[in-house]
Protein backbone atom coordinates (compact mmCIF):
# COMPACT_ATOMS: atom_id res chain seq x y z
CA MET A 1 -39.57 7.83 -18.69
CA GLY A 2 -37.53 8.99 -15.71
CA VAL A 3 -35.08 11.86 -15.70
CA ILE A 4 -32.22 9.77 -14.07
CA HIS A 5 -30.20 7.43 -16.31
CA ARG A 6 -27.08 5.48 -16.04
CA LEU A 7 -23.93 6.93 -17.26
CA SER A 8 -22.06 4.95 -20.09
CA GLU A 9 -18.99 2.97 -19.20
CA GLY A 10 -16.85 5.34 -21.23
CA THR A 11 -18.12 8.39 -19.48
CA ILE A 12 -17.66 6.93 -16.19
CA ASN A 13 -14.00 6.24 -16.89
CA ARG A 14 -13.46 9.72 -18.19
CA ILE A 15 -14.98 11.06 -14.89
CA ALA A 16 -12.64 8.88 -13.03
CA ALA A 17 -9.69 9.82 -15.08
CA GLY A 18 -10.34 13.60 -14.40
CA GLU A 19 -9.96 12.74 -10.73
CA VAL A 20 -6.95 10.78 -10.88
CA VAL A 21 -5.03 12.30 -13.83
CA GLU A 22 -5.32 16.01 -13.46
CA ARG A 23 -2.16 16.76 -15.63
CA PRO A 24 0.85 14.86 -16.88
CA ALA A 25 2.60 15.09 -13.65
CA SER A 26 -0.23 13.20 -12.07
CA ALA A 27 0.10 10.26 -14.50
CA VAL A 28 3.84 10.18 -13.81
CA LYS A 29 3.19 10.01 -10.12
CA GLU A 30 0.83 7.17 -10.40
CA LEU A 31 3.03 5.03 -12.64
CA ILE A 32 6.22 5.68 -10.46
CA GLU A 33 4.24 4.60 -7.48
CA ASN A 34 3.35 1.40 -9.33
CA ALA A 35 6.96 0.82 -10.07
CA LEU A 36 7.94 1.40 -6.46
CA ASP A 37 5.26 -1.14 -5.30
CA ALA A 38 6.62 -3.51 -7.70
CA GLY A 39 10.08 -3.41 -5.93
CA ALA A 40 11.95 -1.61 -8.62
CA ARG A 41 15.53 -0.49 -7.87
CA HIS A 42 15.99 1.65 -11.03
CA ILE A 43 13.33 3.92 -12.60
CA ASP A 44 13.88 5.48 -15.92
CA ILE A 45 11.32 8.36 -16.88
CA ILE A 46 11.25 9.95 -20.46
CA ILE A 47 8.78 12.74 -21.38
CA SER A 48 8.07 14.80 -24.42
CA GLY A 49 5.92 17.93 -24.79
CA GLY A 50 5.91 18.40 -20.85
CA GLY A 51 4.26 14.81 -20.77
CA ARG A 52 1.43 15.62 -23.12
CA ASP A 53 2.95 13.92 -26.19
CA LEU A 54 4.90 11.13 -24.38
CA ILE A 55 5.46 9.63 -21.06
CA ARG A 56 7.60 6.46 -20.94
CA ILE A 57 8.54 4.91 -17.63
CA THR A 58 10.81 1.69 -17.38
CA ASP A 59 11.42 -0.23 -14.26
CA ASP A 60 13.23 -3.28 -13.18
CA GLY A 61 10.38 -4.35 -10.75
CA CYS A 62 8.70 -7.91 -10.54
CA GLY A 63 6.75 -7.46 -13.68
CA MET A 64 3.27 -8.65 -14.73
CA SER A 65 2.05 -12.02 -16.15
CA PRO A 66 -0.35 -12.02 -19.25
CA GLU A 67 -3.22 -12.57 -16.87
CA ASP A 68 -2.25 -9.78 -14.62
CA LEU A 69 -1.84 -7.37 -17.71
CA ALA A 70 -5.44 -8.11 -18.68
CA LEU A 71 -6.68 -7.20 -15.13
CA ALA A 72 -4.30 -4.21 -14.69
CA ILE A 73 -6.28 -2.17 -17.13
CA GLU A 74 -9.69 -2.77 -15.52
CA ARG A 75 -11.06 -0.31 -13.05
CA HIS A 76 -10.59 -1.26 -9.36
CA ALA A 77 -8.38 -4.24 -10.03
CA THR A 78 -5.42 -4.17 -7.72
CA SER A 79 -3.05 -6.66 -6.06
CA LYS A 80 -2.29 -4.27 -3.20
CA LEU A 81 -5.05 -4.33 -0.73
CA ARG A 82 -4.87 -6.99 1.91
CA VAL A 83 -7.81 -9.26 2.75
CA ASP A 84 -8.88 -9.36 6.46
CA GLU A 85 -10.34 -12.40 8.30
CA THR A 86 -13.81 -11.85 7.00
CA GLY A 87 -12.59 -12.08 3.39
CA ARG A 88 -13.06 -8.38 2.73
CA GLU A 89 -10.49 -5.91 1.48
CA ASP A 90 -8.97 -3.91 4.39
CA LEU A 91 -8.91 -0.11 3.57
CA LEU A 92 -7.44 0.62 7.02
CA ASP A 93 -4.24 -1.43 6.56
CA ILE A 94 -2.60 -0.13 3.35
CA ALA A 95 1.14 -0.62 3.34
CA THR A 96 1.66 0.37 -0.51
CA LEU A 97 1.70 3.60 -2.32
CA GLY A 98 -1.08 2.56 -4.71
CA PHE A 99 -4.37 0.66 -3.74
CA ARG A 100 -7.21 1.94 -5.66
CA GLY A 101 -6.85 0.34 -8.87
CA GLU A 102 -7.65 3.26 -11.00
CA ALA A 103 -4.36 4.80 -12.31
CA LEU A 104 -3.99 2.39 -15.53
CA PRO A 105 -7.64 2.35 -16.69
CA SER A 106 -8.01 6.04 -16.08
CA ILE A 107 -4.99 6.88 -18.14
CA GLY A 108 -6.09 4.39 -20.81
CA ALA A 109 -9.43 6.22 -20.90
CA VAL A 110 -7.88 9.48 -22.01
CA ALA A 111 -4.74 8.53 -23.81
CA ARG A 112 -3.00 5.82 -25.86
CA LEU A 113 -1.50 3.54 -23.28
CA SER A 114 0.88 0.76 -23.96
CA ILE A 115 2.26 -1.73 -21.18
CA LEU A 116 5.01 -4.02 -21.79
CA SER A 117 5.89 -6.45 -19.01
CA ARG A 118 7.95 -9.50 -18.29
CA VAL A 119 7.85 -11.45 -14.97
CA VAL A 120 11.14 -12.13 -13.41
CA GLY A 121 12.10 -15.70 -14.52
CA SER A 122 9.82 -15.79 -17.49
CA ASP A 123 11.07 -16.49 -21.15
CA ALA A 124 8.92 -13.96 -22.88
CA ALA A 125 7.41 -10.66 -22.23
CA HIS A 126 3.77 -9.43 -23.17
CA ARG A 127 2.14 -6.35 -24.35
CA VAL A 128 -1.36 -4.65 -23.96
CA THR A 129 -2.66 -1.45 -25.36
CA VAL A 130 -5.41 0.81 -24.61
CA GLU A 131 -6.52 3.61 -26.94
CA GLY A 132 -9.23 6.09 -25.54
CA GLY A 133 -10.64 3.22 -23.44
CA HIS A 134 -10.53 0.61 -26.16
CA VAL A 135 -8.43 -2.43 -25.06
CA SER A 136 -6.52 -4.66 -27.37
CA PRO A 137 -5.81 -8.35 -26.60
CA VAL A 138 -2.65 -9.18 -24.57
CA GLU A 139 0.00 -10.38 -26.95
CA PRO A 140 3.56 -11.79 -26.78
CA ALA A 141 6.40 -9.30 -27.21
CA ALA A 142 10.13 -8.89 -26.80
CA GLY A 143 11.26 -7.12 -23.76
CA PRO A 144 13.54 -7.12 -20.63
CA MET A 145 12.60 -8.14 -17.09
CA GLY A 146 10.33 -5.51 -15.45
CA THR A 147 7.75 -3.18 -17.03
CA ARG A 148 7.81 -0.45 -19.64
CA ILE A 149 4.64 1.79 -19.92
CA GLU A 150 4.22 4.41 -22.64
CA VAL A 151 1.66 6.91 -22.49
CA ARG A 152 1.17 9.03 -25.81
CA ASP A 153 -1.17 11.96 -26.59
CA LEU A 154 -2.47 12.39 -23.11
CA PHE A 155 -6.13 13.83 -23.14
CA PHE A 156 -6.54 13.20 -26.79
CA ALA A 157 -9.98 11.61 -25.96
CA THR A 158 -10.97 14.70 -23.79
CA PRO A 159 -9.72 17.60 -25.70
CA ALA A 160 -11.40 20.01 -23.36
CA ARG A 161 -8.85 19.11 -20.67
CA LEU A 162 -5.93 20.10 -22.85
CA LYS A 163 -7.06 23.80 -22.66
CA PHE A 164 -6.44 23.74 -18.78
CA LEU A 165 -2.95 22.54 -19.14
CA LYS A 166 -0.17 25.12 -18.69
CA GLY A 167 2.74 25.62 -21.08
CA GLU A 168 5.33 22.92 -21.77
CA ARG A 169 7.83 24.22 -19.47
CA ALA A 170 5.47 24.56 -16.53
CA GLU A 171 4.34 20.92 -17.04
CA THR A 172 7.94 19.73 -17.18
CA LEU A 173 8.58 21.49 -14.02
CA ALA A 174 5.58 19.88 -12.40
CA VAL A 175 6.88 16.38 -13.49
CA THR A 176 10.21 17.17 -12.21
CA ASP A 177 8.74 18.18 -8.76
CA ILE A 178 6.76 14.95 -8.58
CA VAL A 179 10.02 12.62 -9.52
CA LYS A 180 12.13 14.70 -6.98
CA ARG A 181 9.69 14.11 -4.12
CA LEU A 182 9.28 10.38 -4.80
CA ALA A 183 13.06 10.23 -4.92
CA MET A 184 13.48 11.90 -1.68
CA ALA A 185 11.13 9.36 -0.21
CA HIS A 186 13.01 6.36 -1.65
CA PRO A 187 16.74 6.95 -1.64
CA GLU A 188 17.51 3.41 -2.20
CA VAL A 189 16.08 3.59 -5.70
CA ALA A 190 17.93 5.08 -8.59
CA PHE A 191 15.95 7.64 -10.72
CA SER A 192 16.62 9.27 -14.05
CA LEU A 193 14.36 11.85 -15.87
CA THR A 194 14.93 12.95 -19.38
CA SER A 195 12.91 15.65 -21.49
CA GLU A 196 13.41 16.20 -25.11
CA ALA A 197 16.64 14.25 -25.03
CA ARG A 198 17.86 16.44 -22.30
CA ASN A 199 18.95 14.75 -18.85
CA ILE A 200 17.04 16.62 -16.19
CA LEU A 201 17.81 14.53 -13.17
CA ARG A 202 19.98 11.45 -12.66
CA LEU A 203 20.13 9.93 -9.07
CA GLU A 204 22.19 6.96 -8.14
CA ALA A 205 20.80 4.65 -5.33
CA GLU A 206 22.05 5.66 -1.96
CA MET A 207 23.09 3.32 0.80
CA PRO A 208 20.47 2.63 3.52
CA GLY A 209 20.54 4.83 6.62
CA GLU A 210 21.08 8.32 7.60
CA VAL A 211 23.94 8.99 5.39
CA GLY A 212 22.22 7.77 2.26
CA ARG A 213 19.17 9.69 2.99
CA LEU A 214 21.11 12.86 3.67
CA GLY A 215 22.93 12.19 0.39
CA ARG A 216 19.81 12.04 -1.65
CA LEU A 217 18.42 15.00 0.03
CA GLY A 218 21.37 17.01 -0.83
CA ALA A 219 21.39 16.09 -4.37
CA ILE A 220 17.85 17.41 -4.78
CA MET A 221 17.48 20.18 -2.17
CA GLY A 222 21.08 21.33 -2.63
CA ARG A 223 24.50 20.73 -1.27
CA ASP A 224 24.08 23.82 1.05
CA PHE A 225 21.04 22.01 2.70
CA ALA A 226 23.04 18.88 3.35
CA GLU A 227 25.98 21.02 4.96
CA ASN A 228 23.54 23.11 7.17
CA ALA A 229 21.02 20.31 8.08
CA LEU A 230 20.30 19.22 11.61
CA ALA A 231 19.43 15.41 12.14
CA ILE A 232 15.86 14.85 13.49
CA GLU A 233 14.93 11.69 15.33
CA ALA A 234 12.16 11.12 17.75
CA MET A 235 9.75 8.43 18.82
CA ARG A 236 6.34 8.64 20.59
CA GLU A 237 3.66 6.13 21.05
CA GLY A 238 4.61 4.00 18.18
CA ILE A 239 5.28 7.00 15.79
CA ALA A 240 8.72 7.54 14.55
CA LEU A 241 9.88 10.80 13.11
CA THR A 242 13.19 11.11 11.41
CA GLY A 243 14.66 13.43 8.71
CA PHE A 244 16.77 16.79 8.58
CA ALA A 245 15.93 20.40 9.19
CA GLY A 246 18.07 23.44 8.16
CA LEU A 247 19.63 25.82 10.62
CA PRO A 248 17.54 29.18 11.21
CA THR A 249 20.12 31.05 9.26
CA TYR A 250 19.56 28.91 6.33
CA ASN A 251 16.05 30.03 5.31
CA ARG A 252 13.97 30.80 2.27
CA GLY A 253 11.31 33.36 1.42
CA THR A 254 8.69 30.62 0.64
CA ALA A 255 7.68 27.31 2.21
CA GLN A 256 8.53 25.30 -0.90
CA MET A 257 11.46 23.72 0.75
CA GLN A 258 9.36 22.04 3.42
CA PHE A 259 8.62 18.15 2.75
CA LEU A 260 6.59 15.78 4.60
CA PHE A 261 6.66 11.95 3.92
CA VAL A 262 4.25 9.44 5.66
CA ASN A 263 5.08 5.96 5.34
CA GLY A 264 7.20 6.54 2.33
CA ARG A 265 4.39 8.67 0.57
CA PRO A 266 4.94 12.31 -0.24
CA VAL A 267 1.95 14.30 0.98
CA ARG A 268 1.03 17.91 1.24
CA ASP A 269 -0.45 18.75 4.67
CA LYS A 270 -1.11 22.04 6.41
CA LEU A 271 -0.15 20.30 9.65
CA VAL A 272 3.57 20.14 8.84
CA ILE A 273 3.39 23.89 7.74
CA GLY A 274 1.97 24.78 11.17
CA ALA A 275 4.11 22.58 13.22
CA VAL A 276 7.28 24.00 11.39
CA ARG A 277 6.21 27.45 11.79
CA GLY A 278 5.61 26.89 15.60
CA ALA A 279 8.91 25.31 16.03
CA TYR A 280 10.75 28.13 14.28
CA ALA A 281 8.76 30.97 15.39
CA ASP A 282 11.33 32.05 17.85
CA TYR A 283 14.15 32.21 15.36
CA LEU A 284 12.62 33.54 12.09
CA ALA A 285 10.52 36.45 10.90
CA ARG A 286 7.04 35.73 9.73
CA ASP A 287 8.23 36.12 6.02
CA ARG A 288 10.97 33.73 6.30
CA HIS A 289 10.77 29.91 6.04
CA PRO A 290 13.18 27.04 6.98
CA ALA A 291 14.01 24.11 4.95
CA VAL A 292 12.92 20.79 6.25
CA ALA A 293 12.52 17.18 5.05
CA LEU A 294 10.47 15.04 7.68
CA PHE A 295 9.68 11.34 7.45
CA VAL A 296 6.82 10.09 9.66
CA ASP A 297 6.41 6.34 10.01
CA LEU A 298 3.42 4.78 11.94
CA ASP A 299 1.16 1.91 11.86
CA PRO A 300 -0.99 2.30 8.70
CA ARG A 301 -4.15 1.89 10.67
CA GLU A 302 -3.28 5.27 12.41
CA VAL A 303 -3.44 7.24 9.04
CA ASP A 304 -6.10 7.41 6.47
CA VAL A 305 -4.56 7.83 3.01
CA ASN A 306 -7.99 7.11 1.23
CA VAL A 307 -8.92 10.83 1.51
CA HIS A 308 -8.51 11.87 -2.16
CA PRO A 309 -7.94 9.78 -5.41
CA ALA A 310 -4.59 11.63 -5.92
CA LYS A 311 -3.46 10.23 -2.50
CA SER A 312 -1.66 13.47 -1.83
CA GLU A 313 -3.57 14.14 1.57
CA VAL A 314 -3.81 12.06 4.67
CA ARG A 315 -5.57 12.25 7.91
CA PHE A 316 -3.98 11.12 11.14
CA ARG A 317 -6.01 9.42 13.85
CA ASP A 318 -4.24 11.53 16.23
CA ALA A 319 -3.17 14.80 14.48
CA GLY A 320 -2.16 16.68 17.83
CA LEU A 321 0.20 13.73 18.68
CA VAL A 322 2.02 14.10 15.30
CA ARG A 323 2.03 17.70 15.53
CA GLY A 324 3.56 17.79 18.97
CA LEU A 325 6.13 15.18 18.01
CA ILE A 326 7.21 17.36 15.13
CA VAL A 327 7.32 20.47 17.01
CA GLY A 328 9.23 19.00 20.06
CA ALA A 329 11.74 17.04 17.73
CA LEU A 330 12.55 20.36 15.76
CA ARG A 331 12.96 22.40 18.90
CA HIS A 332 15.31 19.80 20.53
CA ALA A 333 17.41 19.70 17.37
CA LEU A 334 17.64 23.58 17.13
CA HIS A 335 18.44 23.62 20.84
CA GLU A 336 21.23 21.08 20.37
CA ALA A 337 22.74 23.22 17.50
CA GLY A 338 23.79 25.75 20.03
CA HIS A 339 25.33 28.79 18.50
CA ARG A 340 26.05 27.29 15.13
CA ALA A 341 25.23 29.34 12.00
CA SER A 342 25.03 28.23 8.54
CA THR A 343 27.95 27.89 6.14
CA THR A 344 25.90 30.01 3.64
CA VAL A 345 26.62 33.10 5.91
CA ALA A 346 30.35 32.82 5.09
CA ASP A 347 29.67 32.06 1.48
CA ALA A 348 27.61 35.21 1.12
CA ALA A 349 30.32 37.38 2.86
CA LEU A 350 32.99 36.00 0.59
CA GLY A 351 30.86 36.62 -2.34
CA ALA A 352 30.31 40.29 -1.25
CA LEU A 353 34.14 40.70 -1.03
CA ARG A 354 34.81 39.27 -4.49
CA PRO A 355 35.14 41.63 -7.52
CA VAL A 356 31.97 42.08 -9.42
CA ALA A 357 31.36 42.81 -13.12
CA GLN A 358 31.45 46.68 -13.71
CA PRO A 359 30.01 48.36 -17.12
CA ALA A 360 32.57 49.63 -19.47
CA PHE A 361 32.26 53.24 -20.36
CA SER A 362 32.74 55.10 -23.50
CA SER A 363 32.56 58.82 -24.43
CA GLY A 364 29.04 58.17 -25.54
CA GLY A 365 28.00 56.68 -22.30
CA PHE A 366 27.55 52.86 -21.69
CA THR A 367 28.99 50.51 -24.18
CA ARG A 368 26.98 47.43 -25.14
CA SER A 369 29.51 44.91 -23.59
CA TYR A 370 30.19 44.39 -19.92
CA ALA A 371 33.61 43.35 -18.68
CA PRO A 372 34.78 42.13 -15.50
CA MET A 373 36.56 44.80 -13.32
CA GLN A 374 40.28 44.23 -13.41
CA THR A 375 41.22 44.62 -9.72
CA PRO A 376 45.01 44.11 -9.25
CA GLY A 377 45.71 41.69 -6.65
CA VAL A 378 48.33 41.69 -3.87
CA ALA A 379 51.04 39.95 -6.05
CA GLU A 380 50.76 42.59 -8.71
CA THR A 381 51.00 45.63 -6.43
CA ALA A 382 53.53 44.31 -4.00
CA PRO A 383 56.70 45.39 -5.92
CA LYS A 384 55.99 49.10 -5.75
CA TRP A 385 55.41 48.87 -2.09
CA GLN A 386 58.34 46.75 -1.38
CA GLY A 387 60.62 49.57 -2.67
CA ALA A 388 59.54 52.02 -0.05
CA PHE A 389 60.49 49.73 2.70
CA ALA A 390 63.93 48.55 1.20
CA ASP A 391 65.76 51.09 3.41
CA LEU A 392 64.21 50.08 6.68
CA GLY A 393 66.21 46.97 6.97
CA GLY A 394 65.03 45.14 10.26
CA GLN A 395 63.35 48.16 11.60
CA ALA A 396 59.82 46.81 10.18
CA ALA A 397 60.52 43.45 11.47
CA ARG A 398 61.23 44.94 15.05
CA VAL A 399 57.78 46.87 14.80
CA VAL A 400 55.85 43.59 14.03
CA THR A 401 57.70 41.69 16.72
CA GLU A 402 56.83 44.47 19.42
CA ALA A 403 53.17 44.48 18.34
CA ALA A 404 52.84 40.79 18.57
CA THR A 405 54.34 40.82 22.16
CA ASP A 406 51.15 42.84 23.19
CA ALA A 407 48.63 40.67 21.52
CA PRO A 408 45.97 38.78 23.50
CA PRO A 409 46.37 35.00 24.19
CA PRO A 410 45.92 32.48 21.39
CA ALA A 411 42.47 31.33 20.55
CA GLU A 412 43.13 27.73 21.57
CA ASN A 413 40.02 25.64 21.09
CA LEU A 414 37.43 28.21 21.70
CA PRO A 415 34.55 28.03 18.96
CA LEU A 416 34.30 31.71 18.50
CA GLY A 417 37.97 32.44 19.32
CA VAL A 418 39.55 35.36 21.18
CA ALA A 419 38.56 38.96 20.56
CA ARG A 420 41.31 40.81 18.71
CA GLY A 421 39.57 44.21 18.06
CA GLN A 422 36.65 46.21 17.42
CA LEU A 423 35.72 47.83 14.12
CA HIS A 424 33.56 51.03 14.05
CA GLU A 425 32.35 50.40 17.55
CA THR A 426 29.93 47.85 16.05
CA TYR A 427 31.82 44.58 15.04
CA ILE A 428 34.01 42.45 17.08
CA VAL A 429 36.75 40.54 15.21
CA ALA A 430 37.88 37.46 16.86
CA GLN A 431 40.65 34.83 15.97
CA THR A 432 39.88 31.23 16.07
CA ALA A 433 42.31 28.28 15.59
CA ASP A 434 41.79 28.22 11.89
CA GLY A 435 40.26 31.51 10.81
CA ILE A 436 38.53 34.72 11.98
CA VAL A 437 34.93 35.39 13.42
CA ILE A 438 33.22 38.87 12.90
CA VAL A 439 30.45 39.37 15.37
CA ASP A 440 27.63 41.95 15.15
CA GLN A 441 27.71 43.04 18.86
CA HIS A 442 24.25 44.39 19.10
CA ALA A 443 22.47 41.39 17.20
CA ALA A 444 24.43 38.89 19.34
CA HIS A 445 23.57 40.66 22.62
CA GLU A 446 19.96 41.05 21.51
CA ARG A 447 19.76 37.39 21.13
CA LEU A 448 21.33 36.74 24.48
CA VAL A 449 19.03 39.16 26.35
CA TYR A 450 16.03 37.61 24.66
CA GLU A 451 17.03 34.15 25.70
CA ARG A 452 17.38 35.32 29.52
CA MET A 453 13.92 36.79 29.24
CA LYS A 454 12.38 33.58 27.79
CA LYS A 455 14.06 31.65 30.61
CA ALA A 456 12.76 34.01 33.29
CA MET A 457 9.34 33.72 31.88
CA ALA A 458 9.42 29.87 31.71
CA GLU A 459 10.46 29.82 35.39
CA ARG A 460 8.16 32.40 36.78
CA GLY A 461 5.27 32.42 34.22
CA VAL A 462 3.74 35.34 32.32
CA THR A 463 2.58 38.25 34.34
CA ARG A 464 -1.06 38.98 33.70
CA GLN A 465 -2.95 42.18 33.91
CA ILE A 466 -6.68 42.12 34.82
CA LEU A 467 -8.76 44.27 32.48
CA LEU A 468 -10.78 46.80 34.17
CA ILE A 469 -13.76 46.11 31.79
CA PRO A 470 -13.66 42.48 30.39
CA GLU A 471 -14.03 42.60 26.66
CA VAL A 472 -16.64 40.42 24.86
CA VAL A 473 -15.61 39.35 21.34
CA GLU A 474 -18.37 37.88 18.93
CA LEU A 475 -17.15 35.04 16.84
CA ASP A 476 -18.57 32.12 14.79
CA GLU A 477 -19.94 29.42 17.28
CA ALA A 478 -17.33 26.83 16.23
CA GLU A 479 -14.45 29.43 16.48
CA ALA A 480 -15.66 30.33 20.12
CA GLU A 481 -15.84 26.63 21.10
CA ARG A 482 -12.30 26.11 19.82
CA LEU A 483 -10.96 28.97 21.79
CA ALA A 484 -12.88 28.14 25.03
CA ALA A 485 -11.43 24.45 24.77
CA ARG A 486 -7.92 25.81 24.75
CA ALA A 487 -8.56 28.30 27.63
CA GLY A 488 -5.82 26.43 29.86
CA GLU A 489 -3.25 26.66 27.22
CA LEU A 490 -3.89 30.36 26.61
CA ALA A 491 -3.95 31.17 30.37
CA GLU A 492 -0.41 29.78 30.61
CA LEU A 493 0.65 32.42 28.13
CA GLY A 494 -1.07 35.20 30.12
CA PHE A 495 -4.33 35.47 28.27
CA VAL A 496 -7.42 34.58 30.23
CA LEU A 497 -10.79 34.07 28.46
CA GLU A 498 -13.94 31.94 28.77
CA GLY A 499 -16.98 31.22 26.85
CA PHE A 500 -19.75 33.94 26.91
CA GLY A 501 -22.88 32.29 25.53
CA SER A 502 -23.21 31.05 22.04
CA GLY A 503 -20.62 32.43 19.63
CA ALA A 504 -18.92 34.66 21.87
CA VAL A 505 -15.88 34.87 24.43
CA VAL A 506 -15.05 37.11 27.19
CA VAL A 507 -11.41 38.17 27.78
CA ARG A 508 -10.54 38.95 31.54
CA GLU A 509 -6.85 39.12 31.48
CA VAL A 510 -4.00 39.77 29.16
CA PRO A 511 -0.20 39.59 29.36
CA ALA A 512 1.04 42.66 31.31
CA ILE A 513 3.93 42.93 28.95
CA PHE A 514 1.64 43.91 26.14
CA GLY A 515 0.62 47.33 27.37
CA LYS A 516 -2.03 48.74 24.73
CA LEU A 517 -3.65 45.81 22.89
CA ASP A 518 -6.21 45.19 20.24
CA VAL A 519 -7.91 42.38 22.21
CA GLY A 520 -10.71 41.65 19.52
CA GLY A 521 -8.27 41.50 16.74
CA LEU A 522 -5.80 39.11 18.65
CA VAL A 523 -8.76 36.91 19.65
CA ARG A 524 -9.82 36.73 16.02
CA ASP A 525 -6.26 35.88 14.91
CA LEU A 526 -6.10 33.24 17.57
CA ALA A 527 -9.45 31.58 16.18
CA ASP A 528 -7.87 31.46 12.77
CA ASP A 529 -4.74 29.87 14.11
CA LEU A 530 -6.57 27.22 15.89
CA SER A 531 -8.61 26.57 12.96
CA GLU A 532 -5.68 26.46 10.39
CA MET A 533 -2.84 25.06 12.41
CA ASP A 534 -4.27 23.91 15.68
CA GLU A 535 -1.89 26.22 17.75
CA ALA A 536 -2.09 29.66 19.15
CA LEU A 537 0.74 31.07 17.04
CA SER A 538 -0.65 34.79 17.00
CA LEU A 539 -0.32 35.13 20.86
CA LYS A 540 3.07 33.38 20.97
CA GLU A 541 4.50 35.59 18.11
CA LYS A 542 3.07 38.73 19.71
CA LEU A 543 4.74 37.74 22.95
CA GLU A 544 7.92 36.93 21.10
CA ASP A 545 7.73 40.38 19.18
CA VAL A 546 7.25 42.27 22.47
CA CYS A 547 10.21 40.37 24.00
CA GLY A 548 12.32 40.99 20.99
CA THR A 549 11.67 44.86 21.14
CA ILE A 550 12.53 44.92 24.78
CA ALA A 551 15.66 43.01 24.18
CA CYS A 552 16.62 45.18 21.37
CA HIS A 553 16.37 48.32 23.55
CA GLY A 554 18.08 46.63 26.48
CA SER A 555 21.06 45.22 24.52
CA VAL A 556 24.43 46.62 23.66
CA ARG A 557 23.96 49.37 21.08
CA SER A 558 25.97 49.71 17.84
CA GLY A 559 28.60 52.49 18.36
CA ARG A 560 29.47 51.57 21.94
CA ARG A 561 33.14 50.85 22.45
CA LEU A 562 33.93 47.61 24.30
CA THR A 563 36.97 46.60 26.33
CA ALA A 564 38.68 43.39 25.48
CA GLU A 565 37.13 41.68 28.56
CA GLU A 566 33.69 42.88 27.50
CA MET A 567 34.16 41.50 23.88
CA ASN A 568 35.48 38.20 25.30
CA ALA A 569 32.82 37.79 27.77
CA LEU A 570 30.13 38.32 25.03
CA LEU A 571 31.75 35.44 22.93
CA ARG A 572 31.81 33.01 25.67
CA GLU A 573 28.20 33.82 26.61
CA MET A 574 27.28 33.32 22.90
CA GLU A 575 29.03 29.86 22.95
CA ALA A 576 27.03 28.92 26.08
CA THR A 577 23.56 30.24 24.79
CA PRO A 578 21.56 28.28 22.32
CA HIS A 579 20.38 29.85 19.08
CA SER A 580 22.88 32.65 19.56
CA GLY A 581 24.10 32.20 15.93
CA GLN A 582 21.08 34.22 14.77
CA CYS A 583 19.13 37.19 15.98
CA ASN A 584 15.33 37.12 16.72
CA HIS A 585 14.57 37.59 13.03
CA GLY A 586 16.82 34.78 11.68
CA ARG A 587 19.78 37.09 10.53
CA PRO A 588 23.28 35.79 11.49
CA THR A 589 25.00 37.31 14.51
CA TYR A 590 28.34 36.48 13.26
CA VAL A 591 30.38 35.41 10.24
CA GLU A 592 33.10 32.84 10.25
CA LEU A 593 35.95 32.81 7.73
CA LYS A 594 38.20 29.96 7.36
CA LEU A 595 42.05 30.77 6.73
CA THR A 596 41.55 28.89 3.26
CA ASP A 597 38.72 31.32 2.35
CA ILE A 598 40.88 34.29 3.20
CA GLU A 599 43.79 32.96 1.32
CA ARG A 600 41.60 32.55 -1.74
CA LEU A 601 40.58 36.28 -1.42
CA PHE A 602 44.39 37.23 -1.71
CA GLY A 603 45.13 34.61 -4.39
CA ARG A 604 47.19 32.65 -2.13
CA ARG A 605 45.25 29.33 -3.28
């Protein structure tokens, strides 16, 4: 007998289930995608035990007939693939979220699956159940229009898989993340998620258009994101890019708030990470990340979604075009934002000014309870101060009037207002039409000098210095080929190299601004960048770092006293310079406080 034999149908189904249903969140994703493809406008998700004990998803979609129910639980049976002129299914023209026909049979192979469905216009519903791969006949049942799917005891048929699941809390968070991503992609659909009788998520359907999309993103990513988001809209060669990107000063410590959706499908792609990093590289430090939600719509034939059974990865026919579109659109939006800084800067400043909880003391040290610090407000302390001025009569009023006559002109409609003074030779205080602005003079001037340097380099190019002895750097053959292919782009940045045999490059010129430079280390970093993100980020970031250092040393230092004319000139230049709302590392250059915010601090509101 031969050593090769055919696997049993049950084993085949369990292997397939392992590819499609990795954890409860994977099952939830597949079932929600089916509901969306069915035209549902309200999807209700209930889970228990992190999804291991129960997953119940109810939708108001088109439903399935008894014949469709019987086929839906068979492997590779689907209604979503179009048939081309030759009568074959077209895997290049996929307009739905699902298409493989594996989700339901895979779930049924490892769990207890029950499907109750009623076609719109039908008098009765029908049910089919699958338990560990064993299918029961389709039978009539009572139920509303649409479909309700129950998955109980996930992986009971493959106990080994249960050992690899995380705790209930972690699995619940994974399910919540999946639901949020799908809800972000489809704001016109209402979603609700309940776990252990506790409502985790409830999202009403939003109106079509940009307003509705921003409303859904704000409900999931936070109100602060909605208040500090820049609209993104661009089109190039049939590829449409829309969405929202946060201001540089609204940033995070990780890239978890970066989302990409392709034709309504949430995907994880290193392309978007590299594109976003490249677009924001001039405004954020390497350890800070912006928040973005980008939606790419293009001809289904220009993107391959049949890369992985989980359908979480895609391959673009022209990845460079998509990446260039994302970088260009983000940079344009950031340029249009001008000197605008995020509202969270003011919120953080107000939070720092409010009283904080202080530990209570006793003779034996700290007590066990902590009470808020009772700071008397202006209203409580005013009476004892009023008494000291009771005999002054109109003298105090005359002093205030005389001081006001020497004040600078009103702020009018200037965004950053008119300078009223300087604190500690470091901070400029300006009055606007409806509040005040506090400017860090060094950080602000550093950004202005940096922008001037960038403009000069763009106009005249990067000055290059010829190496006395060209440096040969040994690399992997593929890495050397990638670098040599991008030699023209690198030369524009002042870095001249060329291929040097198989698996090596020779560097002949470097940017003169660098001074001493580890050429070999930079070349290897560039090779990694081109491999991972298809862009020479290391060289650009090093140029920006050097320019930033020069700008730092050439800008107005803290501790320098400025005249009123110098302070106002700085404010006016900030208003006219893009990106002046943050320094070169993403920190804010100014804080704006509205009168209403200040009045709250003093208990006037």
